[in-house]
Amino acid sequence: NKGAIFVDPDAYFLRNLGSVNNTIVHE
């Protein structure tokens, strides 16, 4: 549905939680 956000789960392992949080806020 409109308003869906895809976040790559590998971001939790290849980057860090702070970067994942930033990705969601960015979207």
mmCIF file of all heavy atoms, coordinates in Angstrom:
data_MODEL
# 
_entry.id   MODEL 
# 
loop_
_atom_site.group_PDB 
_atom_site.id 
_atom_site.type_symbol 
_atom_site.label_atom_id 
_atom_site.label_alt_id 
_atom_site.label_comp_id 
_atom_site.label_asym_id 
_atom_site.label_entity_id 
_atom_site.label_seq_id 
_atom_site.pdbx_PDB_ins_code 
_atom_site.Cartn_x 
_atom_site.Cartn_y 
_atom_site.Cartn_z 
_atom_site.occupancy 
_atom_site.B_iso_or_equiv 
_atom_site.pdbx_formal_charge 
_atom_site.auth_seq_id 
_atom_site.auth_comp_id 
_atom_site.auth_asym_id 
_atom_site.auth_atom_id 
_atom_site.pdbx_PDB_model_num 
ATOM 1   N N   . ASN A 1 1  ? 0.837  -1.189 0.000  1.00 0.00 ? 1  ASN A N   1 
ATOM 2   C CA  . ASN A 1 1  ? 0.000  0.000  0.000  1.00 0.00 ? 1  ASN A CA  1 
ATOM 3   C C   . ASN A 1 1  ? 0.875  1.242  0.000  1.00 0.00 ? 1  ASN A C   1 
ATOM 4   O O   . ASN A 1 1  ? 2.049  1.195  0.374  1.00 0.00 ? 1  ASN A O   1 
ATOM 5   C CB  . ASN A 1 1  ? -0.908 0.011  1.225  1.00 0.00 ? 1  ASN A CB  1 
ATOM 6   C CG  . ASN A 1 1  ? -1.881 -1.156 1.234  1.00 0.00 ? 1  ASN A CG  1 
ATOM 7   O OD1 . ASN A 1 1  ? -2.366 -1.559 0.181  1.00 0.00 ? 1  ASN A OD1 1 
ATOM 8   N ND2 . ASN A 1 1  ? -2.156 -1.702 2.405  1.00 0.00 ? 1  ASN A ND2 1 
ATOM 9   N N   . LYS A 1 2  ? 0.301  2.361  -0.407 1.00 0.00 ? 2  LYS A N   1 
ATOM 10  C CA  . LYS A 1 2  ? 1.060  3.601  -0.358 1.00 0.00 ? 2  LYS A CA  1 
ATOM 11  C C   . LYS A 1 2  ? 1.472  3.873  1.084  1.00 0.00 ? 2  LYS A C   1 
ATOM 12  O O   . LYS A 1 2  ? 0.737  3.567  2.028  1.00 0.00 ? 2  LYS A O   1 
ATOM 13  C CB  . LYS A 1 2  ? 0.259  4.760  -0.925 1.00 0.00 ? 2  LYS A CB  1 
ATOM 14  C CG  . LYS A 1 2  ? -0.939 5.195  -0.094 1.00 0.00 ? 2  LYS A CG  1 
ATOM 15  C CD  . LYS A 1 2  ? -1.599 6.406  -0.742 1.00 0.00 ? 2  LYS A CD  1 
ATOM 16  C CE  . LYS A 1 2  ? -2.781 6.897  0.088  1.00 0.00 ? 2  LYS A CE  1 
ATOM 17  N NZ  . LYS A 1 2  ? -3.418 8.090  -0.518 1.00 0.00 ? 2  LYS A NZ  1 
ATOM 18  N N   . GLY A 1 3  ? 2.678  4.420  1.237  1.00 0.00 ? 3  GLY A N   1 
ATOM 19  C CA  . GLY A 1 3  ? 3.217  4.640  2.578  1.00 0.00 ? 3  GLY A CA  1 
ATOM 20  C C   . GLY A 1 3  ? 4.051  3.486  3.082  1.00 0.00 ? 3  GLY A C   1 
ATOM 21  O O   . GLY A 1 3  ? 4.498  3.498  4.233  1.00 0.00 ? 3  GLY A O   1 
ATOM 22  N N   . ALA A 1 4  ? 4.313  2.495  2.228  1.00 0.00 ? 4  ALA A N   1 
ATOM 23  C CA  . ALA A 1 4  ? 5.173  1.380  2.633  1.00 0.00 ? 4  ALA A CA  1 
ATOM 24  C C   . ALA A 1 4  ? 6.642  1.793  2.525  1.00 0.00 ? 4  ALA A C   1 
ATOM 25  O O   . ALA A 1 4  ? 7.042  2.464  1.574  1.00 0.00 ? 4  ALA A O   1 
ATOM 26  C CB  . ALA A 1 4  ? 4.907  0.166  1.760  1.00 0.00 ? 4  ALA A CB  1 
ATOM 27  N N   . ILE A 1 5  ? 7.421  1.402  3.522  1.00 0.00 ? 5  ILE A N   1 
ATOM 28  C CA  . ILE A 1 5  ? 8.862  1.659  3.522  1.00 0.00 ? 5  ILE A CA  1 
ATOM 29  C C   . ILE A 1 5  ? 9.580  0.325  3.512  1.00 0.00 ? 5  ILE A C   1 
ATOM 30  O O   . ILE A 1 5  ? 9.313  -0.543 4.355  1.00 0.00 ? 5  ILE A O   1 
ATOM 31  C CB  . ILE A 1 5  ? 9.295  2.465  4.770  1.00 0.00 ? 5  ILE A CB  1 
ATOM 32  C CG1 . ILE A 1 5  ? 8.675  3.863  4.754  1.00 0.00 ? 5  ILE A CG1 1 
ATOM 33  C CG2 . ILE A 1 5  ? 10.814 2.569  4.844  1.00 0.00 ? 5  ILE A CG2 1 
ATOM 34  C CD1 . ILE A 1 5  ? 8.963  4.656  6.022  1.00 0.00 ? 5  ILE A CD1 1 
ATOM 35  N N   . PHE A 1 6  ? 10.493 0.142  2.569  1.00 0.00 ? 6  PHE A N   1 
ATOM 36  C CA  . PHE A 1 6  ? 11.375 -1.018 2.569  1.00 0.00 ? 6  PHE A CA  1 
ATOM 37  C C   . PHE A 1 6  ? 12.690 -0.610 3.215  1.00 0.00 ? 6  PHE A C   1 
ATOM 38  O O   . PHE A 1 6  ? 13.293 0.398  2.842  1.00 0.00 ? 6  PHE A O   1 
ATOM 39  C CB  . PHE A 1 6  ? 11.656 -1.495 1.143  1.00 0.00 ? 6  PHE A CB  1 
ATOM 40  C CG  . PHE A 1 6  ? 10.582 -2.374 0.560  1.00 0.00 ? 6  PHE A CG  1 
ATOM 41  C CD1 . PHE A 1 6  ? 9.388  -2.595 1.228  1.00 0.00 ? 6  PHE A CD1 1 
ATOM 42  C CD2 . PHE A 1 6  ? 10.761 -2.984 -0.679 1.00 0.00 ? 6  PHE A CD2 1 
ATOM 43  C CE1 . PHE A 1 6  ? 8.387  -3.397 0.682  1.00 0.00 ? 6  PHE A CE1 1 
ATOM 44  C CE2 . PHE A 1 6  ? 9.780  -3.780 -1.225 1.00 0.00 ? 6  PHE A CE2 1 
ATOM 45  C CZ  . PHE A 1 6  ? 8.587  -3.989 -0.553 1.00 0.00 ? 6  PHE A CZ  1 
ATOM 46  N N   . VAL A 1 7  ? 13.130 -1.387 4.197  1.00 0.00 ? 7  VAL A N   1 
ATOM 47  C CA  . VAL A 1 7  ? 14.443 -1.203 4.809  1.00 0.00 ? 7  VAL A CA  1 
ATOM 48  C C   . VAL A 1 7  ? 15.207 -2.509 4.649  1.00 0.00 ? 7  VAL A C   1 
ATOM 49  O O   . VAL A 1 7  ? 14.699 -3.576 5.001  1.00 0.00 ? 7  VAL A O   1 
ATOM 50  C CB  . VAL A 1 7  ? 14.335 -0.836 6.304  1.00 0.00 ? 7  VAL A CB  1 
ATOM 51  C CG1 . VAL A 1 7  ? 15.724 -0.748 6.929  1.00 0.00 ? 7  VAL A CG1 1 
ATOM 52  C CG2 . VAL A 1 7  ? 13.598 0.481  6.477  1.00 0.00 ? 7  VAL A CG2 1 
ATOM 53  N N   . ASP A 1 8  ? 16.407 -2.426 4.103  1.00 0.00 ? 8  ASP A N   1 
ATOM 54  C CA  . ASP A 1 8  ? 17.207 -3.626 3.885  1.00 0.00 ? 8  ASP A CA  1 
ATOM 55  C C   . ASP A 1 8  ? 17.642 -4.201 5.237  1.00 0.00 ? 8  ASP A C   1 
ATOM 56  O O   . ASP A 1 8  ? 18.320 -3.521 6.011  1.00 0.00 ? 8  ASP A O   1 
ATOM 57  C CB  . ASP A 1 8  ? 18.443 -3.296 3.035  1.00 0.00 ? 8  ASP A CB  1 
ATOM 58  C CG  . ASP A 1 8  ? 19.087 -4.535 2.452  1.00 0.00 ? 8  ASP A CG  1 
ATOM 59  O OD1 . ASP A 1 8  ? 19.256 -5.514 3.204  1.00 0.00 ? 8  ASP A OD1 1 
ATOM 60  O OD2 . ASP A 1 8  ? 19.403 -4.520 1.248  1.00 0.00 ? 8  ASP A OD2 1 
ATOM 61  N N   . PRO A 1 9  ? 17.263 -5.453 5.566  1.00 0.00 ? 9  PRO A N   1 
ATOM 62  C CA  . PRO A 1 9  ? 17.637 -6.023 6.874  1.00 0.00 ? 9  PRO A CA  1 
ATOM 63  C C   . PRO A 1 9  ? 19.133 -6.184 7.055  1.00 0.00 ? 9  PRO A C   1 
ATOM 64  O O   . PRO A 1 9  ? 19.620 -6.219 8.188  1.00 0.00 ? 9  PRO A O   1 
ATOM 65  C CB  . PRO A 1 9  ? 16.925 -7.393 6.871  1.00 0.00 ? 9  PRO A CB  1 
ATOM 66  C CG  . PRO A 1 9  ? 16.707 -7.710 5.425  1.00 0.00 ? 9  PRO A CG  1 
ATOM 67  C CD  . PRO A 1 9  ? 16.476 -6.390 4.753  1.00 0.00 ? 9  PRO A CD  1 
ATOM 68  N N   . ASP A 1 10 ? 19.885 -6.263 5.957  1.00 0.00 ? 10 ASP A N   1 
ATOM 69  C CA  . ASP A 1 10 ? 21.340 -6.375 6.085  1.00 0.00 ? 10 ASP A CA  1 
ATOM 70  C C   . ASP A 1 10 ? 21.948 -5.131 6.711  1.00 0.00 ? 10 ASP A C   1 
ATOM 71  O O   . ASP A 1 10 ? 23.090 -5.163 7.187  1.00 0.00 ? 10 ASP A O   1 
ATOM 72  C CB  . ASP A 1 10 ? 21.974 -6.610 4.714  1.00 0.00 ? 10 ASP A CB  1 
ATOM 73  C CG  . ASP A 1 10 ? 21.687 -8.012 4.188  1.00 0.00 ? 10 ASP A CG  1 
ATOM 74  O OD1 . ASP A 1 10 ? 21.275 -8.865 4.998  1.00 0.00 ? 10 ASP A OD1 1 
ATOM 75  O OD2 . ASP A 1 10 ? 21.859 -8.239 2.977  1.00 0.00 ? 10 ASP A OD2 1 
ATOM 76  N N   . ALA A 1 11 ? 21.201 -4.018 6.698  1.00 0.00 ? 11 ALA A N   1 
ATOM 77  C CA  . ALA A 1 11 ? 21.717 -2.785 7.293  1.00 0.00 ? 11 ALA A CA  1 
ATOM 78  C C   . ALA A 1 11 ? 21.999 -2.972 8.782  1.00 0.00 ? 11 ALA A C   1 
ATOM 79  O O   . ALA A 1 11 ? 22.882 -2.335 9.347  1.00 0.00 ? 11 ALA A O   1 
ATOM 80  C CB  . ALA A 1 11 ? 20.729 -1.645 7.093  1.00 0.00 ? 11 ALA A CB  1 
ATOM 81  N N   . TYR A 1 12 ? 21.254 -3.873 9.434  1.00 0.00 ? 12 TYR A N   1 
ATOM 82  C CA  . TYR A 1 12 ? 21.474 -4.117 10.864 1.00 0.00 ? 12 TYR A CA  1 
ATOM 83  C C   . TYR A 1 12 ? 22.824 -4.764 11.113 1.00 0.00 ? 12 TYR A C   1 
ATOM 84  O O   . TYR A 1 12 ? 23.425 -4.603 12.175 1.00 0.00 ? 12 TYR A O   1 
ATOM 85  C CB  . TYR A 1 12 ? 20.375 -5.021 11.422 1.00 0.00 ? 12 TYR A CB  1 
ATOM 86  C CG  . TYR A 1 12 ? 19.043 -4.336 11.588 1.00 0.00 ? 12 TYR A CG  1 
ATOM 87  C CD1 . TYR A 1 12 ? 18.065 -4.421 10.603 1.00 0.00 ? 12 TYR A CD1 1 
ATOM 88  C CD2 . TYR A 1 12 ? 18.764 -3.601 12.737 1.00 0.00 ? 12 TYR A CD2 1 
ATOM 89  C CE1 . TYR A 1 12 ? 16.836 -3.796 10.749 1.00 0.00 ? 12 TYR A CE1 1 
ATOM 90  C CE2 . TYR A 1 12 ? 17.539 -2.972 12.893 1.00 0.00 ? 12 TYR A CE2 1 
ATOM 91  C CZ  . TYR A 1 12 ? 16.575 -3.069 11.905 1.00 0.00 ? 12 TYR A CZ  1 
ATOM 92  O OH  . TYR A 1 12 ? 15.370 -2.440 12.065 1.00 0.00 ? 12 TYR A OH  1 
ATOM 93  N N   . PHE A 1 13 ? 23.309 -5.502 10.112 1.00 0.00 ? 13 PHE A N   1 
ATOM 94  C CA  . PHE A 1 13 ? 24.558 -6.240 10.300 1.00 0.00 ? 13 PHE A CA  1 
ATOM 95  C C   . PHE A 1 13 ? 25.738 -5.548 9.628  1.00 0.00 ? 13 PHE A C   1 
ATOM 96  O O   . PHE A 1 13 ? 26.841 -5.532 10.166 1.00 0.00 ? 13 PHE A O   1 
ATOM 97  C CB  . PHE A 1 13 ? 24.394 -7.660 9.739  1.00 0.00 ? 13 PHE A CB  1 
ATOM 98  C CG  . PHE A 1 13 ? 23.200 -8.383 10.287 1.00 0.00 ? 13 PHE A CG  1 
ATOM 99  C CD1 . PHE A 1 13 ? 22.057 -8.534 9.520  1.00 0.00 ? 13 PHE A CD1 1 
ATOM 100 C CD2 . PHE A 1 13 ? 23.197 -8.878 11.577 1.00 0.00 ? 13 PHE A CD2 1 
ATOM 101 C CE1 . PHE A 1 13 ? 20.937 -9.184 10.020 1.00 0.00 ? 13 PHE A CE1 1 
ATOM 102 C CE2 . PHE A 1 13 ? 22.088 -9.523 12.094 1.00 0.00 ? 13 PHE A CE2 1 
ATOM 103 C CZ  . PHE A 1 13 ? 20.952 -9.682 11.317 1.00 0.00 ? 13 PHE A CZ  1 
ATOM 104 N N   . LEU A 1 14 ? 25.503 -4.966 8.437  1.00 0.00 ? 14 LEU A N   1 
ATOM 105 C CA  . LEU A 1 14 ? 26.600 -4.357 7.698  1.00 0.00 ? 14 LEU A CA  1 
ATOM 106 C C   . LEU A 1 14 ? 26.891 -2.941 8.158  1.00 0.00 ? 14 LEU A C   1 
ATOM 107 O O   . LEU A 1 14 ? 27.974 -2.418 7.934  1.00 0.00 ? 14 LEU A O   1 
ATOM 108 C CB  . LEU A 1 14 ? 26.284 -4.372 6.201  1.00 0.00 ? 14 LEU A CB  1 
ATOM 109 C CG  . LEU A 1 14 ? 26.106 -5.765 5.581  1.00 0.00 ? 14 LEU A CG  1 
ATOM 110 C CD1 . LEU A 1 14 ? 25.746 -5.643 4.102  1.00 0.00 ? 14 LEU A CD1 1 
ATOM 111 C CD2 . LEU A 1 14 ? 27.346 -6.610 5.751  1.00 0.00 ? 14 LEU A CD2 1 
ATOM 112 N N   . ARG A 1 15 ? 25.892 -2.296 8.783  1.00 0.00 ? 15 ARG A N   1 
ATOM 113 C CA  . ARG A 1 15 ? 26.114 -0.927 9.252  1.00 0.00 ? 15 ARG A CA  1 
ATOM 114 C C   . ARG A 1 15 ? 25.922 -0.913 10.767 1.00 0.00 ? 15 ARG A C   1 
ATOM 115 O O   . ARG A 1 15 ? 26.671 -1.517 11.495 1.00 0.00 ? 15 ARG A O   1 
ATOM 116 C CB  . ARG A 1 15 ? 25.173 0.032  8.519  1.00 0.00 ? 15 ARG A CB  1 
ATOM 117 C CG  . ARG A 1 15 ? 25.509 0.106  7.018  1.00 0.00 ? 15 ARG A CG  1 
ATOM 118 C CD  . ARG A 1 15 ? 24.495 0.899  6.243  1.00 0.00 ? 15 ARG A CD  1 
ATOM 119 N NE  . ARG A 1 15 ? 24.541 2.312  6.555  1.00 0.00 ? 15 ARG A NE  1 
ATOM 120 C CZ  . ARG A 1 15 ? 25.362 3.175  5.997  1.00 0.00 ? 15 ARG A CZ  1 
ATOM 121 N NH1 . ARG A 1 15 ? 26.245 2.764  5.121  1.00 0.00 ? 15 ARG A NH1 1 
ATOM 122 N NH2 . ARG A 1 15 ? 25.327 4.454  6.297  1.00 0.00 ? 15 ARG A NH2 1 
ATOM 123 N N   . ASN A 1 16 ? 24.927 -0.217 11.273 1.00 0.00 ? 16 ASN A N   1 
ATOM 124 C CA  . ASN A 1 16 ? 24.642 -0.245 12.702 1.00 0.00 ? 16 ASN A CA  1 
ATOM 125 C C   . ASN A 1 16 ? 23.214 0.224  12.916 1.00 0.00 ? 16 ASN A C   1 
ATOM 126 O O   . ASN A 1 16 ? 22.553 0.720  12.002 1.00 0.00 ? 16 ASN A O   1 
ATOM 127 C CB  . ASN A 1 16 ? 25.629 0.619  13.500 1.00 0.00 ? 16 ASN A CB  1 
ATOM 128 C CG  . ASN A 1 16 ? 25.681 2.043  12.985 1.00 0.00 ? 16 ASN A CG  1 
ATOM 129 O OD1 . ASN A 1 16 ? 24.664 2.733  12.915 1.00 0.00 ? 16 ASN A OD1 1 
ATOM 130 N ND2 . ASN A 1 16 ? 26.877 2.501  12.624 1.00 0.00 ? 16 ASN A ND2 1 
ATOM 131 N N   . LEU A 1 17 ? 22.735 0.043  14.157 1.00 0.00 ? 17 LEU A N   1 
ATOM 132 C CA  . LEU A 1 17 ? 21.346 0.397  14.448 1.00 0.00 ? 17 LEU A CA  1 
ATOM 133 C C   . LEU A 1 17 ? 21.086 1.869  14.197 1.00 0.00 ? 17 LEU A C   1 
ATOM 134 O O   . LEU A 1 17 ? 20.022 2.250  13.696 1.00 0.00 ? 17 LEU A O   1 
ATOM 135 C CB  . LEU A 1 17 ? 21.017 0.047  15.909 1.00 0.00 ? 17 LEU A CB  1 
ATOM 136 C CG  . LEU A 1 17 ? 19.601 0.389  16.372 1.00 0.00 ? 17 LEU A CG  1 
ATOM 137 C CD1 . LEU A 1 17 ? 18.565 -0.374 15.559 1.00 0.00 ? 17 LEU A CD1 1 
ATOM 138 C CD2 . LEU A 1 17 ? 19.429 0.088  17.858 1.00 0.00 ? 17 LEU A CD2 1 
ATOM 139 N N   . GLY A 1 18 ? 22.079 2.729  14.513 1.00 0.00 ? 18 GLY A N   1 
ATOM 140 C CA  . GLY A 1 18 ? 21.891 4.161  14.289 1.00 0.00 ? 18 GLY A CA  1 
ATOM 141 C C   . GLY A 1 18 ? 21.648 4.478  12.827 1.00 0.00 ? 18 GLY A C   1 
ATOM 142 O O   . GLY A 1 18 ? 20.816 5.321  12.487 1.00 0.00 ? 18 GLY A O   1 
ATOM 143 N N   . SER A 1 19 ? 22.359 3.773  11.937 1.00 0.00 ? 19 SER A N   1 
ATOM 144 C CA  . SER A 1 19 ? 22.166 3.999  10.511 1.00 0.00 ? 19 SER A CA  1 
ATOM 145 C C   . SER A 1 19 ? 20.798 3.522  10.047 1.00 0.00 ? 19 SER A C   1 
ATOM 146 O O   . SER A 1 19 ? 20.169 4.130  9.178  1.00 0.00 ? 19 SER A O   1 
ATOM 147 C CB  . SER A 1 19 ? 23.262 3.285  9.713  1.00 0.00 ? 19 SER A CB  1 
ATOM 148 O OG  . SER A 1 19 ? 24.525 3.841  10.005 1.00 0.00 ? 19 SER A OG  1 
ATOM 149 N N   . VAL A 1 20 ? 20.321 2.410  10.607 1.00 0.00 ? 20 VAL A N   1 
ATOM 150 C CA  . VAL A 1 20 ? 18.986 1.914  10.266 1.00 0.00 ? 20 VAL A CA  1 
ATOM 151 C C   . VAL A 1 20 ? 17.928 2.914  10.713 1.00 0.00 ? 20 VAL A C   1 
ATOM 152 O O   . VAL A 1 20 ? 16.994 3.233  9.968  1.00 0.00 ? 20 VAL A O   1 
ATOM 153 C CB  . VAL A 1 20 ? 18.739 0.538  10.914 1.00 0.00 ? 20 VAL A CB  1 
ATOM 154 C CG1 . VAL A 1 20 ? 17.296 0.082  10.673 1.00 0.00 ? 20 VAL A CG1 1 
ATOM 155 C CG2 . VAL A 1 20 ? 19.714 -0.493 10.360 1.00 0.00 ? 20 VAL A CG2 1 
ATOM 156 N N   . ASN A 1 21 ? 18.059 3.422  11.933 1.00 0.00 ? 21 ASN A N   1 
ATOM 157 C CA  . ASN A 1 21 ? 17.113 4.431  12.420 1.00 0.00 ? 21 ASN A CA  1 
ATOM 158 C C   . ASN A 1 21 ? 17.102 5.651  11.509 1.00 0.00 ? 21 ASN A C   1 
ATOM 159 O O   . ASN A 1 21 ? 16.042 6.201  11.190 1.00 0.00 ? 21 ASN A O   1 
ATOM 160 C CB  . ASN A 1 21 ? 17.486 4.845  13.849 1.00 0.00 ? 21 ASN A CB  1 
ATOM 161 C CG  . ASN A 1 21 ? 17.235 3.739  14.855 1.00 0.00 ? 21 ASN A CG  1 
ATOM 162 O OD1 . ASN A 1 21 ? 16.522 2.770  14.573 1.00 0.00 ? 21 ASN A OD1 1 
ATOM 163 N ND2 . ASN A 1 21 ? 17.816 3.870  16.038 1.00 0.00 ? 21 ASN A ND2 1 
ATOM 164 N N   . ASN A 1 22 ? 18.296 6.063  11.103 1.00 0.00 ? 22 ASN A N   1 
ATOM 165 C CA  . ASN A 1 22 ? 18.399 7.213  10.211 1.00 0.00 ? 22 ASN A CA  1 
ATOM 166 C C   . ASN A 1 22 ? 17.702 6.940  8.883  1.00 0.00 ? 22 ASN A C   1 
ATOM 167 O O   . ASN A 1 22 ? 17.044 7.825  8.315  1.00 0.00 ? 22 ASN A O   1 
ATOM 168 C CB  . ASN A 1 22 ? 19.873 7.562  9.976  1.00 0.00 ? 22 ASN A CB  1 
ATOM 169 C CG  . ASN A 1 22 ? 20.063 8.712  9.028  1.00 0.00 ? 22 ASN A CG  1 
ATOM 170 O OD1 . ASN A 1 22 ? 20.120 8.529  7.815  1.00 0.00 ? 22 ASN A OD1 1 
ATOM 171 N ND2 . ASN A 1 22 ? 20.160 9.921  9.564  1.00 0.00 ? 22 ASN A ND2 1 
ATOM 172 N N   . THR A 1 23 ? 17.835 5.717  8.375  1.00 0.00 ? 23 THR A N   1 
ATOM 173 C CA  . THR A 1 23 ? 17.198 5.357  7.111  1.00 0.00 ? 23 THR A CA  1 
ATOM 174 C C   . THR A 1 23 ? 15.681 5.517  7.195  1.00 0.00 ? 23 THR A C   1 
ATOM 175 O O   . THR A 1 23 ? 15.040 6.079  6.301  1.00 0.00 ? 23 THR A O   1 
ATOM 176 C CB  . THR A 1 23 ? 17.539 3.903  6.733  1.00 0.00 ? 23 THR A CB  1 
ATOM 177 O OG1 . THR A 1 23 ? 18.942 3.794  6.521  1.00 0.00 ? 23 THR A OG1 1 
ATOM 178 C CG2 . THR A 1 23 ? 16.804 3.475  5.472  1.00 0.00 ? 23 THR A CG2 1 
ATOM 179 N N   . ILE A 1 24 ? 15.096 5.032  8.280  1.00 0.00 ? 24 ILE A N   1 
ATOM 180 C CA  . ILE A 1 24 ? 13.634 5.112  8.429  1.00 0.00 ? 24 ILE A CA  1 
ATOM 181 C C   . ILE A 1 24 ? 13.187 6.559  8.546  1.00 0.00 ? 24 ILE A C   1 
ATOM 182 O O   . ILE A 1 24 ? 12.221 6.987  7.894  1.00 0.00 ? 24 ILE A O   1 
ATOM 183 C CB  . ILE A 1 24 ? 13.181 4.291  9.656  1.00 0.00 ? 24 ILE A CB  1 
ATOM 184 C CG1 . ILE A 1 24 ? 13.523 2.818  9.459  1.00 0.00 ? 24 ILE A CG1 1 
ATOM 185 C CG2 . ILE A 1 24 ? 11.687 4.468  9.889  1.00 0.00 ? 24 ILE A CG2 1 
ATOM 186 C CD1 . ILE A 1 24 ? 13.289 1.955  10.683 1.00 0.00 ? 24 ILE A CD1 1 
ATOM 187 N N   . VAL A 1 25 ? 13.887 7.359  9.357  1.00 0.00 ? 25 VAL A N   1 
ATOM 188 C CA  . VAL A 1 25 ? 13.536 8.776  9.489  1.00 0.00 ? 25 VAL A CA  1 
ATOM 189 C C   . VAL A 1 25 ? 13.715 9.491  8.158  1.00 0.00 ? 25 VAL A C   1 
ATOM 190 O O   . VAL A 1 25 ? 12.908 10.351 7.779  1.00 0.00 ? 25 VAL A O   1 
ATOM 191 C CB  . VAL A 1 25 ? 14.378 9.440  10.606 1.00 0.00 ? 25 VAL A CB  1 
ATOM 192 C CG1 . VAL A 1 25 ? 14.087 10.936 10.682 1.00 0.00 ? 25 VAL A CG1 1 
ATOM 193 C CG2 . VAL A 1 25 ? 14.099 8.777  11.946 1.00 0.00 ? 25 VAL A CG2 1 
ATOM 194 N N   . HIS A 1 26 ? 14.758 9.149  7.439  1.00 0.00 ? 26 HIS A N   1 
ATOM 195 C CA  . HIS A 1 26 ? 15.022 9.709  6.110  1.00 0.00 ? 26 HIS A CA  1 
ATOM 196 C C   . HIS A 1 26 ? 13.810 9.487  5.198  1.00 0.00 ? 26 HIS A C   1 
ATOM 197 O O   . HIS A 1 26 ? 13.346 10.417 4.515  1.00 0.00 ? 26 HIS A O   1 
ATOM 198 C CB  . HIS A 1 26 ? 16.267 9.019  5.541  1.00 0.00 ? 26 HIS A CB  1 
ATOM 199 C CG  . HIS A 1 26 ? 16.662 9.421  4.165  1.00 0.00 ? 26 HIS A CG  1 
ATOM 200 N ND1 . HIS A 1 26 ? 17.786 10.160 3.898  1.00 0.00 ? 26 HIS A ND1 1 
ATOM 201 C CD2 . HIS A 1 26 ? 16.090 9.179  2.954  1.00 0.00 ? 26 HIS A CD2 1 
ATOM 202 C CE1 . HIS A 1 26 ? 17.900 10.356 2.591  1.00 0.00 ? 26 HIS A CE1 1 
ATOM 203 N NE2 . HIS A 1 26 ? 16.875 9.758  1.994  1.00 0.00 ? 26 HIS A NE2 1 
ATOM 204 N N   . GLU A 1 27 ? 13.273 8.267  5.185  1.00 0.00 ? 27 GLU A N   1 
ATOM 205 C CA  . GLU A 1 27 ? 12.112 7.976  4.339  1.00 0.00 ? 27 GLU A CA  1 
ATOM 206 C C   . GLU A 1 27 ? 10.865 8.709  4.830  1.00 0.00 ? 27 GLU A C   1 
ATOM 207 O O   . GLU A 1 27 ? 10.025 9.129  4.027  1.00 0.00 ? 27 GLU A O   1 
ATOM 208 C CB  . GLU A 1 27 ? 11.856 6.464  4.289  1.00 0.00 ? 27 GLU A CB  1 
ATOM 209 C CG  . GLU A 1 27 ? 13.033 5.624  3.803  1.00 0.00 ? 27 GLU A CG  1 
ATOM 210 C CD  . GLU A 1 27 ? 13.535 6.037  2.435  1.00 0.00 ? 27 GLU A CD  1 
ATOM 211 O OE1 . GLU A 1 27 ? 12.750 6.569  1.636  1.00 0.00 ? 27 GLU A OE1 1 
ATOM 212 O OE2 . GLU A 1 27 ? 14.735 5.829  2.162  1.00 0.00 ? 27 GLU A OE2 1 
# 
